[in-house]
Amino acid sequence: MQDAGMLAPPVSNETFDIDTLGRTRGGTVDRVFLHLKDGILAGRYAPGQRLIESDLTSELGVSRGPLREAFRKLSAEGMVESIPNRGAIVRRLSHKETQELFQIRGALEVLAARLASENIDLPGVRERFEQAVAPIWSEAPRNIGMTYLNENRIFHQAVADASGNEQLAVLCRQMQLPLIMFQLSGMLTPETLTLSNREHRSIARAILAGDAHAAWEGMRNHLDRAQGFANELPRTIFRSPE
């Protein structure tokens, strides 16, 4: 893709539309940003992996300018960090960061579960929630991999979305559950996933029944257990403290 600075001068009487160029460049940055963000959330780019500019410019058909702008947007969302002499790296969480994120998520998501149960009979809420969490009712064995990690992410976001509080839903989305789960995925067992799914079902039943206390308590216990699990893992899977 040509850079704006390499565009040939117009050969007709038409003037070059700078606004159009700006929108085109902005659209390219957004496209690259979303591609990389989706790749991180889907596990195509692993925590600690270096994002090599030459490979990505070739793969995505863009110049380094839009790619670096996309890196800056990802950095602002806490998904990528710039390391001197190494470039852009998919963020790898430290043990302390993981525990802090769990603490914040615990406060936010128990509130989301309570609000979701209180709002479940508002127009459209029940239908959207049931559709989003449908995979949790499958009896298929839970295997470690992106299929379950995606199911887990969608479930937690569905609870936040059903809360009716848009700012809360945005904050929950920013708590980087996919990064946490992907980093911990190597330590998960089929038994762990079965227990997690059982807890998801219990929370969903409470929300669908409009039982605010049970939904709140179920989510609190679920996240407390998950935080305890993460706390007991070997420190070697986390980023070393600075």
C-alpha atoms as a PDB file:
ATOM      1  CA  MET A   1       0.000   0.000   0.000  1.00  0.00           C
ATOM      2  CA  GLN A   2       1.363   3.407  -0.915  1.00  0.00           C
ATOM      3  CA  ASP A   3       2.159   5.928   1.770  1.00  0.00           C
ATOM      4  CA  ALA A   4       0.573   9.359   1.516  1.00  0.00           C
ATOM      5  CA  GLY A   5       4.007  10.872   0.954  1.00  0.00           C
ATOM      6  CA  MET A   6       4.609   8.658  -2.104  1.00  0.00           C
ATOM      7  CA  LEU A   7       1.432   9.529  -3.965  1.00  0.00           C
ATOM      8  CA  ALA A   8       2.135  10.964  -7.395  1.00  0.00           C
ATOM      9  CA  PRO A   9       1.027  14.561  -8.074  1.00  0.00           C
ATOM     10  CA  PRO A  10      -2.431  14.797  -9.665  1.00  0.00           C
ATOM     11  CA  VAL A  11      -2.277  14.759 -13.440  1.00  0.00           C
ATOM     12  CA  SER A  12      -5.720  16.234 -13.956  1.00  0.00           C
ATOM     13  CA  ASN A  13      -7.489  19.363 -12.782  1.00  0.00           C
ATOM     14  CA  GLU A  14      -8.826  17.464  -9.766  1.00  0.00           C
ATOM     15  CA  THR A  15      -7.439  18.487  -6.386  1.00  0.00           C
ATOM     16  CA  PHE A  16      -6.153  15.910  -3.900  1.00  0.00           C
ATOM     17  CA  ASP A  17      -8.581  15.434  -1.024  1.00  0.00           C
ATOM     18  CA  ILE A  18      -6.547  15.501   2.189  1.00  0.00           C
ATOM     19  CA  ASP A  19      -9.642  14.611   4.253  1.00  0.00           C
ATOM     20  CA  THR A  20     -10.160  11.500   2.150  1.00  0.00           C
ATOM     21  CA  LEU A  21      -6.534  10.533   2.671  1.00  0.00           C
ATOM     22  CA  GLY A  22      -6.950  10.992   6.417  1.00  0.00           C
ATOM     23  CA  ARG A  23     -10.035   8.789   6.482  1.00  0.00           C
ATOM     24  CA  THR A  24      -8.261   6.159   4.391  1.00  0.00           C
ATOM     25  CA  ARG A  25      -5.241   6.134   6.682  1.00  0.00           C
ATOM     26  CA  GLY A  26      -7.494   6.064   9.740  1.00  0.00           C
ATOM     27  CA  GLY A  27      -9.404   3.153   8.252  1.00  0.00           C
ATOM     28  CA  THR A  28      -6.141   1.289   7.637  1.00  0.00           C
ATOM     29  CA  VAL A  29      -4.992   1.842  11.210  1.00  0.00           C
ATOM     30  CA  ASP A  30      -8.341   0.624  12.551  1.00  0.00           C
ATOM     31  CA  ARG A  31      -8.232  -2.444  10.310  1.00  0.00           C
ATOM     32  CA  VAL A  32      -4.729  -3.355  11.468  1.00  0.00           C
ATOM     33  CA  PHE A  33      -5.607  -2.612  15.106  1.00  0.00           C
ATOM     34  CA  LEU A  34      -8.671  -4.879  15.021  1.00  0.00           C
ATOM     35  CA  HIS A  35      -6.777  -7.636  13.215  1.00  0.00           C
ATOM     36  CA  LEU A  36      -4.036  -7.651  15.841  1.00  0.00           C
ATOM     37  CA  LYS A  37      -6.436  -7.280  18.757  1.00  0.00           C
ATOM     38  CA  ASP A  38      -8.563 -10.182  17.534  1.00  0.00           C
ATOM     39  CA  GLY A  39      -5.398 -12.213  17.016  1.00  0.00           C
ATOM     40  CA  ILE A  40      -4.255 -11.580  20.582  1.00  0.00           C
ATOM     41  CA  LEU A  41      -7.671 -12.418  22.025  1.00  0.00           C
ATOM     42  CA  ALA A  42      -7.897 -15.557  19.879  1.00  0.00           C
ATOM     43  CA  GLY A  43      -4.416 -16.688  20.881  1.00  0.00           C
ATOM     44  CA  ARG A  44      -2.797 -16.342  17.456  1.00  0.00           C
ATOM     45  CA  TYR A  45      -0.310 -14.006  19.119  1.00  0.00           C
ATOM     46  CA  ALA A  46       0.818 -15.374  22.465  1.00  0.00           C
ATOM     47  CA  PRO A  47       1.812 -13.436  25.610  1.00  0.00           C
ATOM     48  CA  GLY A  48       5.458 -12.473  25.313  1.00  0.00           C
ATOM     49  CA  GLN A  49       5.512 -12.897  21.536  1.00  0.00           C
ATOM     50  CA  ARG A  50       7.334 -10.259  19.531  1.00  0.00           C
ATOM     51  CA  LEU A  51       5.255  -8.614  16.799  1.00  0.00           C
ATOM     52  CA  ILE A  52       7.739  -8.342  13.935  1.00  0.00           C
ATOM     53  CA  GLU A  53       7.035  -5.294  11.792  1.00  0.00           C
ATOM     54  CA  SER A  54       8.470  -6.670   8.560  1.00  0.00           C
ATOM     55  CA  ASP A  55       6.355  -9.816   8.803  1.00  0.00           C
ATOM     56  CA  LEU A  56       3.162  -7.921   9.623  1.00  0.00           C
ATOM     57  CA  THR A  57       3.567  -5.257   6.935  1.00  0.00           C
ATOM     58  CA  SER A  58       3.954  -8.042   4.377  1.00  0.00           C
ATOM     59  CA  GLU A  59       1.086 -10.113   5.782  1.00  0.00           C
ATOM     60  CA  LEU A  60      -1.355  -7.206   6.051  1.00  0.00           C
ATOM     61  CA  GLY A  61      -0.225  -5.221   3.015  1.00  0.00           C
ATOM     62  CA  VAL A  62       0.378  -1.991   4.934  1.00  0.00           C
ATOM     63  CA  SER A  63       3.297   0.328   5.536  1.00  0.00           C
ATOM     64  CA  ARG A  64       5.073   0.720   8.867  1.00  0.00           C
ATOM     65  CA  GLY A  65       3.274   3.983   9.716  1.00  0.00           C
ATOM     66  CA  PRO A  66      -0.253   2.554  10.152  1.00  0.00           C
ATOM     67  CA  LEU A  67       1.198  -0.555  11.814  1.00  0.00           C
ATOM     68  CA  ARG A  68       3.010   1.522  14.427  1.00  0.00           C
ATOM     69  CA  GLU A  69      -0.115   3.594  15.052  1.00  0.00           C
ATOM     70  CA  ALA A  70      -2.024   0.338  15.618  1.00  0.00           C
ATOM     71  CA  PHE A  71       0.703  -0.731  18.054  1.00  0.00           C
ATOM     72  CA  ARG A  72       0.206   2.526  19.979  1.00  0.00           C
ATOM     73  CA  LYS A  73      -3.551   1.916  20.212  1.00  0.00           C
ATOM     74  CA  LEU A  74      -2.949  -1.620  21.453  1.00  0.00           C
ATOM     75  CA  SER A  75      -0.449  -0.300  23.982  1.00  0.00           C
ATOM     76  CA  ALA A  76      -3.050   2.193  25.257  1.00  0.00           C
ATOM     77  CA  GLU A  77      -5.400  -0.764  25.877  1.00  0.00           C
ATOM     78  CA  GLY A  78      -2.699  -2.648  27.758  1.00  0.00           C
ATOM     79  CA  MET A  79      -2.414  -5.459  25.214  1.00  0.00           C
ATOM     80  CA  VAL A  80       0.981  -4.636  23.738  1.00  0.00           C
ATOM     81  CA  GLU A  81       4.082  -3.089  25.262  1.00  0.00           C
ATOM     82  CA  SER A  82       7.174  -1.598  23.655  1.00  0.00           C
ATOM     83  CA  ILE A  83      10.467  -3.101  24.829  1.00  0.00           C
ATOM     84  CA  PRO A  84      13.716  -1.278  24.024  1.00  0.00           C
ATOM     85  CA  ASN A  85      15.692  -3.071  21.297  1.00  0.00           C
ATOM     86  CA  ARG A  86      12.896  -5.600  20.850  1.00  0.00           C
ATOM     87  CA  GLY A  87       9.958  -3.581  19.580  1.00  0.00           C
ATOM     88  CA  ALA A  88       6.295  -4.417  20.191  1.00  0.00           C
ATOM     89  CA  ILE A  89       5.594  -7.429  22.414  1.00  0.00           C
ATOM     90  CA  VAL A  90       2.248  -8.986  23.295  1.00  0.00           C
ATOM     91  CA  ARG A  91       1.874  -8.113  26.947  1.00  0.00           C
ATOM     92  CA  ARG A  92       2.716 -10.840  29.405  1.00  0.00           C
ATOM     93  CA  LEU A  93       1.262 -10.278  32.838  1.00  0.00           C
ATOM     94  CA  SER A  94       3.232 -10.480  36.051  1.00  0.00           C
ATOM     95  CA  HIS A  95       1.871 -12.382  39.033  1.00  0.00           C
ATOM     96  CA  LYS A  96       1.111  -9.084  40.780  1.00  0.00           C
ATOM     97  CA  GLU A  97      -0.738  -7.705  37.728  1.00  0.00           C
ATOM     98  CA  THR A  98      -2.777 -10.905  37.431  1.00  0.00           C
ATOM     99  CA  GLN A  99      -3.831 -10.747  41.076  1.00  0.00           C
ATOM    100  CA  GLU A 100      -4.707  -7.063  40.792  1.00  0.00           C
ATOM    101  CA  LEU A 101      -6.831  -7.671  37.696  1.00  0.00           C
ATOM    102  CA  PHE A 102      -8.653 -10.491  39.480  1.00  0.00           C
ATOM    103  CA  GLN A 103      -9.372  -8.149  42.405  1.00  0.00           C
ATOM    104  CA  ILE A 104     -10.844  -5.524  40.081  1.00  0.00           C
ATOM    105  CA  ARG A 105     -12.791  -8.099  38.094  1.00  0.00           C
ATOM    106  CA  GLY A 106     -14.194  -9.503  41.300  1.00  0.00           C
ATOM    107  CA  ALA A 107     -15.658  -6.138  42.265  1.00  0.00           C
ATOM    108  CA  LEU A 108     -17.007  -5.404  38.798  1.00  0.00           C
ATOM    109  CA  GLU A 109     -18.380  -8.791  37.807  1.00  0.00           C
ATOM    110  CA  VAL A 110     -20.268  -9.543  41.013  1.00  0.00           C
ATOM    111  CA  LEU A 111     -22.033  -6.223  40.467  1.00  0.00           C
ATOM    112  CA  ALA A 112     -22.692  -7.164  36.842  1.00  0.00           C
ATOM    113  CA  ALA A 113     -24.179 -10.509  37.881  1.00  0.00           C
ATOM    114  CA  ARG A 114     -26.519  -8.848  40.382  1.00  0.00           C
ATOM    115  CA  LEU A 115     -27.657  -6.204  37.899  1.00  0.00           C
ATOM    116  CA  ALA A 116     -28.120  -8.805  35.171  1.00  0.00           C
ATOM    117  CA  SER A 117     -30.465 -10.814  37.402  1.00  0.00           C
ATOM    118  CA  GLU A 118     -32.439  -7.658  38.188  1.00  0.00           C
ATOM    119  CA  ASN A 119     -32.689  -6.691  34.502  1.00  0.00           C
ATOM    120  CA  ILE A 120     -33.272 -10.132  33.012  1.00  0.00           C
ATOM    121  CA  ASP A 121     -36.975  -9.527  32.279  1.00  0.00           C
ATOM    122  CA  LEU A 122     -36.459  -6.214  30.517  1.00  0.00           C
ATOM    123  CA  PRO A 123     -37.279  -6.349  26.794  1.00  0.00           C
ATOM    124  CA  GLY A 124     -34.729  -8.379  24.861  1.00  0.00           C
ATOM    125  CA  VAL A 125     -32.320  -8.985  27.746  1.00  0.00           C
ATOM    126  CA  ARG A 126     -33.275 -12.604  28.437  1.00  0.00           C
ATOM    127  CA  GLU A 127     -33.186 -13.541  24.747  1.00  0.00           C
ATOM    128  CA  ARG A 128     -29.766 -11.979  24.147  1.00  0.00           C
ATOM    129  CA  PHE A 129     -28.311 -13.501  27.298  1.00  0.00           C
ATOM    130  CA  GLU A 130     -29.645 -16.986  26.562  1.00  0.00           C
ATOM    131  CA  GLN A 131     -28.289 -16.839  23.029  1.00  0.00           C
ATOM    132  CA  ALA A 132     -24.843 -15.667  24.151  1.00  0.00           C
ATOM    133  CA  VAL A 133     -24.396 -18.287  26.885  1.00  0.00           C
ATOM    134  CA  ALA A 134     -25.938 -21.206  24.959  1.00  0.00           C
ATOM    135  CA  PRO A 135     -22.578 -23.072  24.662  1.00  0.00           C
ATOM    136  CA  ILE A 136     -22.332 -23.565  28.437  1.00  0.00           C
ATOM    137  CA  TRP A 137     -25.207 -26.063  28.323  1.00  0.00           C
ATOM    138  CA  SER A 138     -23.415 -28.396  25.914  1.00  0.00           C
ATOM    139  CA  GLU A 139     -22.467 -31.742  27.446  1.00  0.00           C
ATOM    140  CA  ALA A 140     -19.398 -32.061  25.231  1.00  0.00           C
ATOM    141  CA  PRO A 141     -16.185 -32.514  27.253  1.00  0.00           C
ATOM    142  CA  ARG A 142     -14.293 -29.284  27.830  1.00  0.00           C
ATOM    143  CA  ASN A 143     -10.821 -29.496  26.364  1.00  0.00           C
ATOM    144  CA  ILE A 144      -8.043 -27.018  26.840  1.00  0.00           C
ATOM    145  CA  GLY A 145      -7.836 -24.725  23.851  1.00  0.00           C
ATOM    146  CA  MET A 146      -9.206 -21.611  22.249  1.00  0.00           C
ATOM    147  CA  THR A 147     -12.725 -23.040  21.937  1.00  0.00           C
ATOM    148  CA  TYR A 148     -13.160 -23.086  25.695  1.00  0.00           C
ATOM    149  CA  LEU A 149     -11.280 -19.850  26.261  1.00  0.00           C
ATOM    150  CA  ASN A 150     -13.617 -18.152  23.805  1.00  0.00           C
ATOM    151  CA  GLU A 151     -16.663 -19.710  25.488  1.00  0.00           C
ATOM    152  CA  ASN A 152     -15.402 -18.417  28.832  1.00  0.00           C
ATOM    153  CA  ARG A 153     -14.818 -14.909  27.489  1.00  0.00           C
ATOM    154  CA  ILE A 154     -18.265 -14.736  25.877  1.00  0.00           C
ATOM    155  CA  PHE A 155     -19.983 -15.949  29.047  1.00  0.00           C
ATOM    156  CA  HIS A 156     -18.406 -13.300  31.264  1.00  0.00           C
ATOM    157  CA  GLN A 157     -19.068 -10.553  28.753  1.00  0.00           C
ATOM    158  CA  ALA A 158     -22.682 -11.700  28.341  1.00  0.00           C
ATOM    159  CA  VAL A 159     -23.211 -11.218  32.081  1.00  0.00           C
ATOM    160  CA  ALA A 160     -21.732  -7.713  31.883  1.00  0.00           C
ATOM    161  CA  ASP A 161     -23.807  -6.850  28.816  1.00  0.00           C
ATOM    162  CA  ALA A 162     -26.995  -8.058  30.522  1.00  0.00           C
ATOM    163  CA  SER A 163     -26.301  -5.721  33.446  1.00  0.00           C
ATOM    164  CA  GLY A 164     -27.708  -2.828  31.438  1.00  0.00           C
ATOM    165  CA  ASN A 165     -24.831  -0.641  32.615  1.00  0.00           C
ATOM    166  CA  GLU A 166     -22.854   0.238  29.496  1.00  0.00           C
ATOM    167  CA  GLN A 167     -19.902   1.712  31.369  1.00  0.00           C
ATOM    168  CA  LEU A 168     -19.654  -1.412  33.498  1.00  0.00           C
ATOM    169  CA  ALA A 169     -19.726  -3.585  30.378  1.00  0.00           C
ATOM    170  CA  VAL A 170     -16.885  -1.554  28.855  1.00  0.00           C
ATOM    171  CA  LEU A 171     -14.814  -1.802  32.035  1.00  0.00           C
ATOM    172  CA  CYS A 172     -15.322  -5.566  32.191  1.00  0.00           C
ATOM    173  CA  ARG A 173     -14.170  -5.839  28.577  1.00  0.00           C
ATOM    174  CA  GLN A 174     -11.020  -3.914  29.466  1.00  0.00           C
ATOM    175  CA  MET A 175     -10.071  -6.172  32.365  1.00  0.00           C
ATOM    176  CA  GLN A 176      -8.195  -8.389  29.907  1.00  0.00           C
ATOM    177  CA  LEU A 177      -9.803 -11.706  30.805  1.00  0.00           C
ATOM    178  CA  PRO A 178      -8.551 -13.265  27.520  1.00  0.00           C
ATOM    179  CA  LEU A 179      -4.954 -12.294  28.319  1.00  0.00           C
ATOM    180  CA  ILE A 180      -5.263 -13.748  31.819  1.00  0.00           C
ATOM    181  CA  MET A 181      -6.868 -16.964  30.636  1.00  0.00           C
ATOM    182  CA  PHE A 182      -4.531 -17.513  27.712  1.00  0.00           C
ATOM    183  CA  GLN A 183      -1.508 -17.035  29.948  1.00  0.00           C
ATOM    184  CA  LEU A 184      -2.912 -19.559  32.443  1.00  0.00           C
ATOM    185  CA  SER A 185      -4.215 -21.990  29.825  1.00  0.00           C
ATOM    186  CA  GLY A 186      -1.186 -24.280  29.974  1.00  0.00           C
ATOM    187  CA  MET A 187      -1.975 -25.060  33.610  1.00  0.00           C
ATOM    188  CA  LEU A 188      -5.670 -25.782  33.127  1.00  0.00           C
ATOM    189  CA  THR A 189      -6.901 -29.367  33.291  1.00  0.00           C
ATOM    190  CA  PRO A 190     -10.132 -30.947  32.003  1.00  0.00           C
ATOM    191  CA  GLU A 191     -11.247 -31.175  35.624  1.00  0.00           C
ATOM    192  CA  THR A 192     -10.641 -27.448  36.125  1.00  0.00           C
ATOM    193  CA  LEU A 193     -12.645 -26.635  33.021  1.00  0.00           C
ATOM    194  CA  THR A 194     -15.506 -28.911  34.086  1.00  0.00           C
ATOM    195  CA  LEU A 195     -15.688 -27.141  37.458  1.00  0.00           C
ATOM    196  CA  SER A 196     -15.570 -23.727  35.790  1.00  0.00           C
ATOM    197  CA  ASN A 197     -18.389 -24.687  33.432  1.00  0.00           C
ATOM    198  CA  ARG A 198     -20.470 -25.992  36.331  1.00  0.00           C
ATOM    199  CA  GLU A 199     -20.055 -22.617  38.050  1.00  0.00           C
ATOM    200  CA  HIS A 200     -21.009 -20.778  34.849  1.00  0.00           C
ATOM    201  CA  ARG A 201     -24.219 -22.785  34.683  1.00  0.00           C
ATOM    202  CA  SER A 202     -25.051 -22.009  38.310  1.00  0.00           C
ATOM    203  CA  ILE A 203     -24.532 -18.282  37.737  1.00  0.00           C
ATOM    204  CA  ALA A 204     -26.609 -18.364  34.557  1.00  0.00           C
ATOM    205  CA  ARG A 205     -29.472 -20.167  36.284  1.00  0.00           C
ATOM    206  CA  ALA A 206     -29.496 -17.576  39.063  1.00  0.00           C
ATOM    207  CA  ILE A 207     -29.540 -14.711  36.562  1.00  0.00           C
ATOM    208  CA  LEU A 208     -32.320 -16.297  34.502  1.00  0.00           C
ATOM    209  CA  ALA A 209     -34.326 -16.879  37.699  1.00  0.00           C
ATOM    210  CA  GLY A 210     -33.890 -13.251  38.717  1.00  0.00           C
ATOM    211  CA  ASP A 211     -32.156 -14.307  41.931  1.00  0.00           C
ATOM    212  CA  ALA A 212     -29.807 -11.386  42.589  1.00  0.00           C
ATOM    213  CA  HIS A 213     -28.264 -12.814  45.754  1.00  0.00           C
ATOM    214  CA  ALA A 214     -27.485 -16.203  44.205  1.00  0.00           C
ATOM    215  CA  ALA A 215     -26.060 -14.557  41.071  1.00  0.00           C
ATOM    216  CA  TRP A 216     -23.859 -12.254  43.172  1.00  0.00           C
ATOM    217  CA  GLU A 217     -22.658 -15.057  45.413  1.00  0.00           C
ATOM    218  CA  GLY A 218     -22.089 -17.447  42.525  1.00  0.00           C
ATOM    219  CA  MET A 219     -19.926 -14.991  40.627  1.00  0.00           C
ATOM    220  CA  ARG A 220     -18.008 -14.035  43.765  1.00  0.00           C
ATOM    221  CA  ASN A 221     -17.207 -17.683  44.566  1.00  0.00           C
ATOM    222  CA  HIS A 222     -16.308 -18.385  40.939  1.00  0.00           C
ATOM    223  CA  LEU A 223     -13.800 -15.535  40.731  1.00  0.00           C
ATOM    224  CA  ASP A 224     -12.410 -16.159  44.215  1.00  0.00           C
ATOM    225  CA  ARG A 225     -11.652 -19.736  43.207  1.00  0.00           C
ATOM    226  CA  ALA A 226     -10.086 -18.620  39.907  1.00  0.00           C
ATOM    227  CA  GLN A 227      -7.911 -16.072  41.696  1.00  0.00           C
ATOM    228  CA  GLY A 228      -6.823 -18.700  44.210  1.00  0.00           C
ATOM    229  CA  PHE A 229      -5.948 -21.057  41.360  1.00  0.00           C
ATOM    230  CA  ALA A 230      -3.808 -18.382  39.694  1.00  0.00           C
ATOM    231  CA  ASN A 231      -2.136 -17.532  42.985  1.00  0.00           C
ATOM    232  CA  GLU A 232      -0.919 -21.104  43.450  1.00  0.00           C
ATOM    233  CA  LEU A 233       0.656 -21.419  39.993  1.00  0.00           C
ATOM    234  CA  PRO A 234       4.442 -21.471  39.507  1.00  0.00           C
ATOM    235  CA  ARG A 235       5.829 -17.972  39.180  1.00  0.00           C
ATOM    236  CA  THR A 236       7.684 -19.052  36.055  1.00  0.00           C
ATOM    237  CA  ILE A 237       4.564 -18.711  33.902  1.00  0.00           C
ATOM    238  CA  PHE A 238       4.314 -15.020  34.765  1.00  0.00           C
ATOM    239  CA  ARG A 239       6.460 -12.127  33.650  1.00  0.00           C
ATOM    240  CA  SER A 240       9.332 -11.530  36.044  1.00  0.00           C
ATOM    241  CA  PRO A 241       9.019  -8.426  38.235  1.00  0.00           C
ATOM    242  CA  GLU A 242      10.873  -5.392  36.944  1.00  0.00           C
END
